[in-house]
Structures are given as structure tokens and as C-alpha cells.
């Protein structure tokens, strides 16, 4: 029983630390990263864009589709 509890605590701590160190500290940092990668990789293409998702606290780099198809998410920048 103790081994299972300790294993759970270690895994939960590892997940929390991973999320803490791989996310941005603010919406501003995530916004800057999204727009920088968009500019660096896709230049001035109007086909690509960055959008802020308030519900999930992230910026999303996406590619617009034609004919009213859903956009393709390229990268997420959570904060």
C-alpha cells in the first residue's frame, strides 16, 4: 500500500514539474512565441494565424483551410 502511494506521489510531482517548466509564464510570452514562430516559419502568409483561447489559457498557431473546413492546429502555447 505504501509503495503504491509513494509511486502515485512521485508521478504526480513529475507531471506537475513537467507542466510548470514547459509552459509560458504569461499570456504575453505565449503570444510572442506564437507570433515569432509564425513569422519565422511562414513569413507573411495569410493562410497561418495565431489565436488566443481564453478557456484553455493558450495561444494556438493554426493553418486556415479552404471551403469552410476546420482549421489545422499546428502548435499550442499554454501558459
PDB file of N, CA and C in Angstrom:
ATOM      1  N   UNK A   1       0.816  -1.192   0.000  1.00  0.00           N
ATOM      2  CA  UNK A   1       0.000   0.000   0.000  1.00  0.00           C
ATOM      3  C   UNK A   1       0.861   1.258   0.000  1.00  0.00           C
ATOM      4  N   UNK A   2       1.916   1.250   0.818  1.00  0.00           N
ATOM      5  CA  UNK A   2       2.796   2.412   0.880  1.00  0.00           C
ATOM      6  C   UNK A   2       3.532   2.625  -0.438  1.00  0.00           C
ATOM      7  N   UNK A   3       3.922   1.549  -1.091  1.00  0.00           N
ATOM      8  CA  UNK A   3       4.650   1.647  -2.356  1.00  0.00           C
ATOM      9  C   UNK A   3       3.754   2.283  -3.420  1.00  0.00           C
ATOM     10  N   UNK A   4       2.507   1.899  -3.476  1.00  0.00           N
ATOM     11  CA  UNK A   4       1.565   2.475  -4.430  1.00  0.00           C
ATOM     12  C   UNK A   4       1.346   3.959  -4.182  1.00  0.00           C
ATOM     13  N   UNK A   5       1.216   4.344  -2.933  1.00  0.00           N
ATOM     14  CA  UNK A   5       1.018   5.746  -2.583  1.00  0.00           C
ATOM     15  C   UNK A   5       2.245   6.582  -2.938  1.00  0.00           C
ATOM     16  N   UNK A   6       3.413   6.073  -2.616  1.00  0.00           N
ATOM     17  CA  UNK A   6       4.654   6.787  -2.931  1.00  0.00           C
ATOM     18  C   UNK A   6       4.824   6.903  -4.443  1.00  0.00           C
ATOM     19  N   UNK A   7       4.529   5.852  -5.170  1.00  0.00           N
ATOM     20  CA  UNK A   7       4.612   5.893  -6.633  1.00  0.00           C
ATOM     21  C   UNK A   7       3.656   6.940  -7.198  1.00  0.00           C
ATOM     22  N   UNK A   8       2.450   7.000  -6.663  1.00  0.00           N
ATOM     23  CA  UNK A   8       1.478   7.996  -7.113  1.00  0.00           C
ATOM     24  C   UNK A   8       1.984   9.415  -6.849  1.00  0.00           C
ATOM     25  N   UNK A   9       2.521   9.655  -5.679  1.00  0.00           N
ATOM     26  CA  UNK A   9       3.045  10.984  -5.329  1.00  0.00           C
ATOM     27  C   UNK A   9       4.197  11.365  -6.239  1.00  0.00           C
ATOM     28  N   UNK A  10       5.100  10.447  -6.510  1.00  0.00           N
ATOM     29  CA  UNK A  10       6.250  10.728  -7.380  1.00  0.00           C
ATOM     30  C   UNK A  10       5.775  11.041  -8.798  1.00  0.00           C
ATOM     31  N   UNK A  11       4.844  10.274  -9.328  1.00  0.00           N
ATOM     32  CA  UNK A  11       4.322  10.525 -10.678  1.00  0.00           C
ATOM     33  C   UNK A  11       3.577  11.856 -10.754  1.00  0.00           C
ATOM     34  N   UNK A  12       2.770  12.151  -9.749  1.00  0.00           N
ATOM     35  CA  UNK A  12       2.040  13.424  -9.734  1.00  0.00           C
ATOM     36  C   UNK A  12       3.006  14.600  -9.670  1.00  0.00           C
ATOM     37  N   UNK A  13       4.034  14.488  -8.872  1.00  0.00           N
ATOM     38  CA  UNK A  13       5.044  15.547  -8.785  1.00  0.00           C
ATOM     39  C   UNK A  13       5.769  15.712 -10.110  1.00  0.00           C
ATOM     40  N   UNK A  14       6.098  14.620 -10.759  1.00  0.00           N
ATOM     41  CA  UNK A  14       6.787  14.691 -12.054  1.00  0.00           C
ATOM     42  C   UNK A  14       5.912  15.382 -13.099  1.00  0.00           C
ATOM     43  N   UNK A  15       4.636  15.072 -13.127  1.00  0.00           N
ATOM     44  CA  UNK A  15       3.717  15.702 -14.088  1.00  0.00           C
ATOM     45  C   UNK A  15       3.605  17.200 -13.809  1.00  0.00           C
ATOM     46  N   UNK A  16       3.450  17.569 -12.564  1.00  0.00           N
ATOM     47  CA  UNK A  16       3.336  18.986 -12.204  1.00  0.00           C
ATOM     48  C   UNK A  16       4.606  19.736 -12.569  1.00  0.00           C
ATOM     49  N   UNK A  17       5.764  19.175 -12.287  1.00  0.00           N
ATOM     50  CA  UNK A  17       7.024  19.824 -12.641  1.00  0.00           C
ATOM     51  C   UNK A  17       7.195  19.933 -14.151  1.00  0.00           C
ATOM     52  N   UNK A  18       6.805  18.906 -14.882  1.00  0.00           N
ATOM     53  CA  UNK A  18       6.882  18.953 -16.343  1.00  0.00           C
ATOM     54  C   UNK A  18       6.024  20.089 -16.890  1.00  0.00           C
ATOM     55  N   UNK A  19       4.784  20.175 -16.432  1.00  0.00           N
ATOM     56  CA  UNK A  19       3.888  21.237 -16.902  1.00  0.00           C
ATOM     57  C   UNK A  19       4.398  22.616 -16.499  1.00  0.00           C
ATOM     58  N   UNK A  20       4.961  22.718 -15.316  1.00  0.00           N
ATOM     59  CA  UNK A  20       5.479  24.001 -14.839  1.00  0.00           C
ATOM     60  C   UNK A  20       6.644  24.490 -15.694  1.00  0.00           C
ATOM     61  N   UNK A  21       7.562  23.598 -16.035  1.00  0.00           N
ATOM     62  CA  UNK A  21       8.757  24.004 -16.772  1.00  0.00           C
ATOM     63  C   UNK A  21       8.569  24.058 -18.279  1.00  0.00           C
ATOM     64  N   UNK A  22       7.484  23.515 -18.819  1.00  0.00           N
ATOM     65  CA  UNK A  22       7.284  23.547 -20.270  1.00  0.00           C
ATOM     66  C   UNK A  22       6.229  24.554 -20.703  1.00  0.00           C
ATOM     67  N   UNK A  23       5.631  25.273 -19.778  1.00  0.00           N
ATOM     68  CA  UNK A  23       4.632  26.265 -20.162  1.00  0.00           C
ATOM     69  C   UNK A  23       5.219  27.664 -20.017  1.00  0.00           C
ATOM     70  N   UNK A  24       4.544  28.619 -20.634  1.00  0.00           N
ATOM     71  CA  UNK A  24       4.968  30.009 -20.558  1.00  0.00           C
ATOM     72  C   UNK A  24       4.434  30.625 -19.276  1.00  0.00           C
ATOM     73  N   UNK A  25       5.090  31.663 -18.786  1.00  0.00           N
ATOM     74  CA  UNK A  25       4.703  32.284 -17.516  1.00  0.00           C
ATOM     75  C   UNK A  25       3.504  33.222 -17.656  1.00  0.00           C
ATOM     76  N   UNK A  26       3.252  33.715 -18.872  1.00  0.00           N
ATOM     77  CA  UNK A  26       2.155  34.655 -19.059  1.00  0.00           C
ATOM     78  C   UNK A  26       1.597  34.545 -20.466  1.00  0.00           C
ATOM     79  N   UNK A  27       0.415  35.140 -20.652  1.00  0.00           N
ATOM     80  CA  UNK A  27      -0.198  35.173 -21.977  1.00  0.00           C
ATOM     81  C   UNK A  27       0.674  35.973 -22.939  1.00  0.00           C
ATOM     82  N   UNK A  28       1.337  36.995 -22.438  1.00  0.00           N
ATOM     83  CA  UNK A  28       2.214  37.808 -23.282  1.00  0.00           C
ATOM     84  C   UNK A  28       3.356  36.980 -23.870  1.00  0.00           C
ATOM     85  N   UNK A  29       4.004  36.162 -23.032  1.00  0.00           N
ATOM     86  CA  UNK A  29       5.097  35.307 -23.514  1.00  0.00           C
ATOM     87  C   UNK A  29       4.594  34.304 -24.544  1.00  0.00           C
ATOM     88  N   UNK A  30       3.442  33.704 -24.295  1.00  0.00           N
ATOM     89  CA  UNK A  30       2.874  32.737 -25.242  1.00  0.00           C
ATOM     90  C   UNK A  30       2.521  33.428 -26.560  1.00  0.00           C
ATOM     91  N   UNK A  31       1.971  34.629 -26.484  1.00  0.00           N
ATOM     92  CA  UNK A  31       1.633  35.414 -27.671  1.00  0.00           C
ATOM     93  C   UNK A  31       2.883  35.725 -28.489  1.00  0.00           C
ATOM     94  N   UNK A  32       3.922  36.168 -27.824  1.00  0.00           N
ATOM     95  CA  UNK A  32       5.163  36.491 -28.520  1.00  0.00           C
ATOM     96  C   UNK A  32       5.756  35.263 -29.195  1.00  0.00           C
ATOM     97  N   UNK A  33       5.740  34.132 -28.510  1.00  0.00           N
ATOM     98  CA  UNK A  33       6.286  32.897 -29.080  1.00  0.00           C
ATOM     99  C   UNK A  33       5.483  32.454 -30.297  1.00  0.00           C
ATOM    100  N   UNK A  34       4.167  32.536 -30.212  1.00  0.00           N
ATOM    101  CA  UNK A  34       3.310  32.126 -31.327  1.00  0.00           C
ATOM    102  C   UNK A  34       3.574  32.994 -32.557  1.00  0.00           C
ATOM    103  N   UNK A  35       3.565  34.311 -32.359  1.00  0.00           N
ATOM    104  CA  UNK A  35       3.766  35.207 -33.493  1.00  0.00           C
ATOM    105  C   UNK A  35       5.190  35.129 -34.049  1.00  0.00           C
ATOM    106  N   UNK A  36       6.179  34.869 -33.200  1.00  0.00           N
ATOM    107  CA  UNK A  36       7.549  34.730 -33.683  1.00  0.00           C
ATOM    108  C   UNK A  36       7.691  33.492 -34.570  1.00  0.00           C
ATOM    109  N   UNK A  37       7.162  32.367 -34.120  1.00  0.00           N
ATOM    110  CA  UNK A  37       7.254  31.146 -34.915  1.00  0.00           C
ATOM    111  C   UNK A  37       6.466  31.292 -36.208  1.00  0.00           C
ATOM    112  N   UNK A  38       5.311  31.953 -36.124  1.00  0.00           N
ATOM    113  CA  UNK A  38       4.525  32.206 -37.340  1.00  0.00           C
ATOM    114  C   UNK A  38       5.344  33.031 -38.334  1.00  0.00           C
ATOM    115  N   UNK A  39       5.959  34.096 -37.864  1.00  0.00           N
ATOM    116  CA  UNK A  39       6.746  34.959 -38.745  1.00  0.00           C
ATOM    117  C   UNK A  39       7.988  34.225 -39.263  1.00  0.00           C
ATOM    118  N   UNK A  40       8.681  33.506 -38.375  1.00  0.00           N
ATOM    119  CA  UNK A  40       9.919  32.818 -38.740  1.00  0.00           C
ATOM    120  C   UNK A  40       9.673  31.693 -39.746  1.00  0.00           C
ATOM    121  N   UNK A  41       8.593  30.955 -39.575  1.00  0.00           N
ATOM    122  CA  UNK A  41       8.355  29.776 -40.406  1.00  0.00           C
ATOM    123  C   UNK A  41       7.492  30.047 -41.630  1.00  0.00           C
ATOM    124  N   UNK A  42       6.538  30.962 -41.501  1.00  0.00           N
ATOM    125  CA  UNK A  42       5.550  31.133 -42.568  1.00  0.00           C
ATOM    126  C   UNK A  42       5.521  32.546 -43.141  1.00  0.00           C
ATOM    127  N   UNK A  43       6.436  33.398 -42.685  1.00  0.00           N
ATOM    128  CA  UNK A  43       6.570  34.791 -43.151  1.00  0.00           C
ATOM    129  C   UNK A  43       5.233  35.515 -43.108  1.00  0.00           C
ATOM    130  N   UNK A  44       4.833  36.127 -44.187  1.00  0.00           N
ATOM    131  CA  UNK A  44       3.616  36.940 -44.210  1.00  0.00           C
ATOM    132  C   UNK A  44       2.423  36.201 -44.814  1.00  0.00           C
ATOM    133  N   UNK A  45       2.455  34.888 -44.797  1.00  0.00           N
ATOM    134  CA  UNK A  45       1.356  34.097 -45.368  1.00  0.00           C
ATOM    135  C   UNK A  45       0.060  34.345 -44.592  1.00  0.00           C
ATOM    136  N   UNK A  46      -0.984  34.682 -45.298  1.00  0.00           N
ATOM    137  CA  UNK A  46      -2.287  34.916 -44.672  1.00  0.00           C
ATOM    138  C   UNK A  46      -2.999  33.611 -44.335  1.00  0.00           C
ATOM    139  N   UNK A  47      -2.429  32.503 -44.756  1.00  0.00           N
ATOM    140  CA  UNK A  47      -3.012  31.192 -44.510  1.00  0.00           C
ATOM    141  C   UNK A  47      -2.819  30.752 -43.055  1.00  0.00           C
ATOM    142  N   UNK A  48      -1.834  31.340 -42.371  1.00  0.00           N
ATOM    143  CA  UNK A  48      -1.499  30.960 -40.996  1.00  0.00           C
ATOM    144  C   UNK A  48      -1.848  32.092 -40.049  1.00  0.00           C
ATOM    145  N   UNK A  49      -2.184  31.732 -38.811  1.00  0.00           N
ATOM    146  CA  UNK A  49      -2.518  32.760 -37.837  1.00  0.00           C
ATOM    147  C   UNK A  49      -2.343  32.269 -36.413  1.00  0.00           C
ATOM    148  N   UNK A  50      -2.397  33.214 -35.472  1.00  0.00           N
ATOM    149  CA  UNK A  50      -2.342  32.908 -34.048  1.00  0.00           C
ATOM    150  C   UNK A  50      -3.630  33.396 -33.411  1.00  0.00           C
ATOM    151  N   UNK A  51      -4.168  32.605 -32.505  1.00  0.00           N
ATOM    152  CA  UNK A  51      -5.415  32.976 -31.845  1.00  0.00           C
ATOM    153  C   UNK A  51      -5.314  32.634 -30.366  1.00  0.00           C
ATOM    154  N   UNK A  52      -5.947  33.439 -29.531  1.00  0.00           N
ATOM    155  CA  UNK A  52      -5.923  33.252 -28.092  1.00  0.00           C
ATOM    156  C   UNK A  52      -7.169  32.497 -27.658  1.00  0.00           C
ATOM    157  N   UNK A  53      -6.988  31.414 -26.951  1.00  0.00           N
ATOM    158  CA  UNK A  53      -8.099  30.634 -26.412  1.00  0.00           C
ATOM    159  C   UNK A  53      -8.176  30.893 -24.906  1.00  0.00           C
ATOM    160  N   UNK A  54      -9.169  31.656 -24.491  1.00  0.00           N
ATOM    161  CA  UNK A  54      -9.295  32.037 -23.083  1.00  0.00           C
ATOM    162  C   UNK A  54      -9.690  30.870 -22.182  1.00  0.00           C
ATOM    163  N   UNK A  55     -10.456  29.933 -22.703  1.00  0.00           N
ATOM    164  CA  UNK A  55     -10.935  28.826 -21.873  1.00  0.00           C
ATOM    165  C   UNK A  55      -9.810  27.889 -21.452  1.00  0.00           C
ATOM    166  N   UNK A  56      -8.839  27.682 -22.336  1.00  0.00           N
ATOM    167  CA  UNK A  56      -7.761  26.740 -22.040  1.00  0.00           C
ATOM    168  C   UNK A  56      -6.429  27.424 -21.757  1.00  0.00           C
ATOM    169  N   UNK A  57      -6.423  28.756 -21.669  1.00  0.00           N
ATOM    170  CA  UNK A  57      -5.207  29.532 -21.387  1.00  0.00           C
ATOM    171  C   UNK A  57      -4.058  29.153 -22.313  1.00  0.00           C
ATOM    172  N   UNK A  58      -4.291  29.332 -23.599  1.00  0.00           N
ATOM    173  CA  UNK A  58      -3.232  29.036 -24.561  1.00  0.00           C
ATOM    174  C   UNK A  58      -3.404  29.875 -25.818  1.00  0.00           C
ATOM    175  N   UNK A  59      -2.294  30.076 -26.501  1.00  0.00           N
ATOM    176  CA  UNK A  59      -2.290  30.649 -27.846  1.00  0.00           C
ATOM    177  C   UNK A  59      -2.141  29.487 -28.804  1.00  0.00           C
ATOM    178  N   UNK A  60      -2.790  29.565 -29.951  1.00  0.00           N
ATOM    179  CA  UNK A  60      -2.783  28.476 -30.915  1.00  0.00           C
ATOM    180  C   UNK A  60      -2.301  28.994 -32.261  1.00  0.00           C
ATOM    181  N   UNK A  61      -1.279  28.343 -32.810  1.00  0.00           N
ATOM    182  CA  UNK A  61      -0.814  28.615 -34.169  1.00  0.00           C
ATOM    183  C   UNK A  61      -1.573  27.660 -35.073  1.00  0.00           C
ATOM    184  N   UNK A  62      -2.272  28.206 -36.057  1.00  0.00           N
ATOM    185  CA  UNK A  62      -3.132  27.374 -36.892  1.00  0.00           C
ATOM    186  C   UNK A  62      -2.979  27.712 -38.368  1.00  0.00           C
ATOM    187  N   UNK A  63      -3.455  26.803 -39.195  1.00  0.00           N
ATOM    188  CA  UNK A  63      -3.484  26.983 -40.648  1.00  0.00           C
ATOM    189  C   UNK A  63      -4.940  26.956 -41.081  1.00  0.00           C
ATOM    190  N   UNK A  64      -5.362  28.024 -41.726  1.00  0.00           N
ATOM    191  CA  UNK A  64      -6.743  28.092 -42.187  1.00  0.00           C
ATOM    192  C   UNK A  64      -6.948  27.150 -43.363  1.00  0.00           C
ATOM    193  N   UNK A  65      -8.120  26.570 -43.423  1.00  0.00           N
ATOM    194  CA  UNK A  65      -8.467  25.672 -44.524  1.00  0.00           C
ATOM    195  C   UNK A  65      -9.456  26.370 -45.450  1.00  0.00           C
ATOM    196  N   UNK A  66      -9.485  25.912 -46.673  1.00  0.00           N
ATOM    197  CA  UNK A  66     -10.425  26.483 -47.628  1.00  0.00           C
ATOM    198  C   UNK A  66     -11.745  25.722 -47.575  1.00  0.00           C
ATOM    199  N   UNK A  67     -12.734  26.257 -48.216  1.00  0.00           N
ATOM    200  CA  UNK A  67     -14.053  25.629 -48.327  1.00  0.00           C
ATOM    201  C   UNK A  67     -14.698  25.352 -46.974  1.00  0.00           C
ATOM    202  N   UNK A  68     -14.491  26.230 -46.017  1.00  0.00           N
ATOM    203  CA  UNK A  68     -15.127  26.155 -44.697  1.00  0.00           C
ATOM    204  C   UNK A  68     -14.774  24.883 -43.925  1.00  0.00           C
ATOM    205  N   UNK A  69     -13.618  24.320 -44.187  1.00  0.00           N
ATOM    206  CA  UNK A  69     -13.135  23.170 -43.425  1.00  0.00           C
ATOM    207  C   UNK A  69     -12.533  23.673 -42.111  1.00  0.00           C
ATOM    208  N   UNK A  70     -12.481  22.839 -41.069  1.00  0.00           N
ATOM    209  CA  UNK A  70     -11.878  23.271 -39.809  1.00  0.00           C
ATOM    210  C   UNK A  70     -10.396  23.602 -39.993  1.00  0.00           C
ATOM    211  N   UNK A  71      -9.930  24.558 -39.222  1.00  0.00           N
ATOM    212  CA  UNK A  71      -8.517  24.931 -39.265  1.00  0.00           C
ATOM    213  C   UNK A  71      -7.665  23.802 -38.683  1.00  0.00           C
ATOM    214  N   UNK A  72      -6.424  23.737 -39.139  1.00  0.00           N
ATOM    215  CA  UNK A  72      -5.489  22.723 -38.643  1.00  0.00           C
ATOM    216  C   UNK A  72      -4.593  23.369 -37.589  1.00  0.00           C
ATOM    217  N   UNK A  73      -4.606  22.833 -36.372  1.00  0.00           N
ATOM    218  CA  UNK A  73      -3.760  23.343 -35.297  1.00  0.00           C
ATOM    219  C   UNK A  73      -2.334  22.849 -35.531  1.00  0.00           C
ATOM    220  N   UNK A  74      -1.403  23.788 -35.562  1.00  0.00           N
ATOM    221  CA  UNK A  74      -0.005  23.436 -35.786  1.00  0.00           C
ATOM    222  C   UNK A  74       0.744  23.317 -34.464  1.00  0.00           C
ATOM    223  N   UNK A  75       0.526  24.276 -33.554  1.00  0.00           N
ATOM    224  CA  UNK A  75       1.234  24.253 -32.279  1.00  0.00           C
ATOM    225  C   UNK A  75       0.412  25.002 -31.233  1.00  0.00           C
ATOM    226  N   UNK A  76       0.498  24.531 -29.997  1.00  0.00           N
ATOM    227  CA  UNK A  76      -0.186  25.172 -28.871  1.00  0.00           C
ATOM    228  C   UNK A  76       0.856  25.761 -27.929  1.00  0.00           C
ATOM    229  N   UNK A  77       0.565  26.937 -27.415  1.00  0.00           N
ATOM    230  CA  UNK A  77       1.453  27.634 -26.482  1.00  0.00           C
ATOM    231  C   UNK A  77       0.671  27.883 -25.194  1.00  0.00           C
ATOM    232  N   UNK A  78       0.764  26.964 -24.230  1.00  0.00           N
ATOM    233  CA  UNK A  78      -0.002  27.140 -22.999  1.00  0.00           C
ATOM    234  C   UNK A  78       0.768  27.992 -22.003  1.00  0.00           C
ATOM    235  N   UNK A  79      -0.010  28.657 -21.211  1.00  0.00           N
ATOM    236  CA  UNK A  79       0.591  29.488 -20.159  1.00  0.00           C
ATOM    237  C   UNK A  79      -0.146  29.281 -18.858  1.00  0.00           C
TER     238      UNK A  79
END
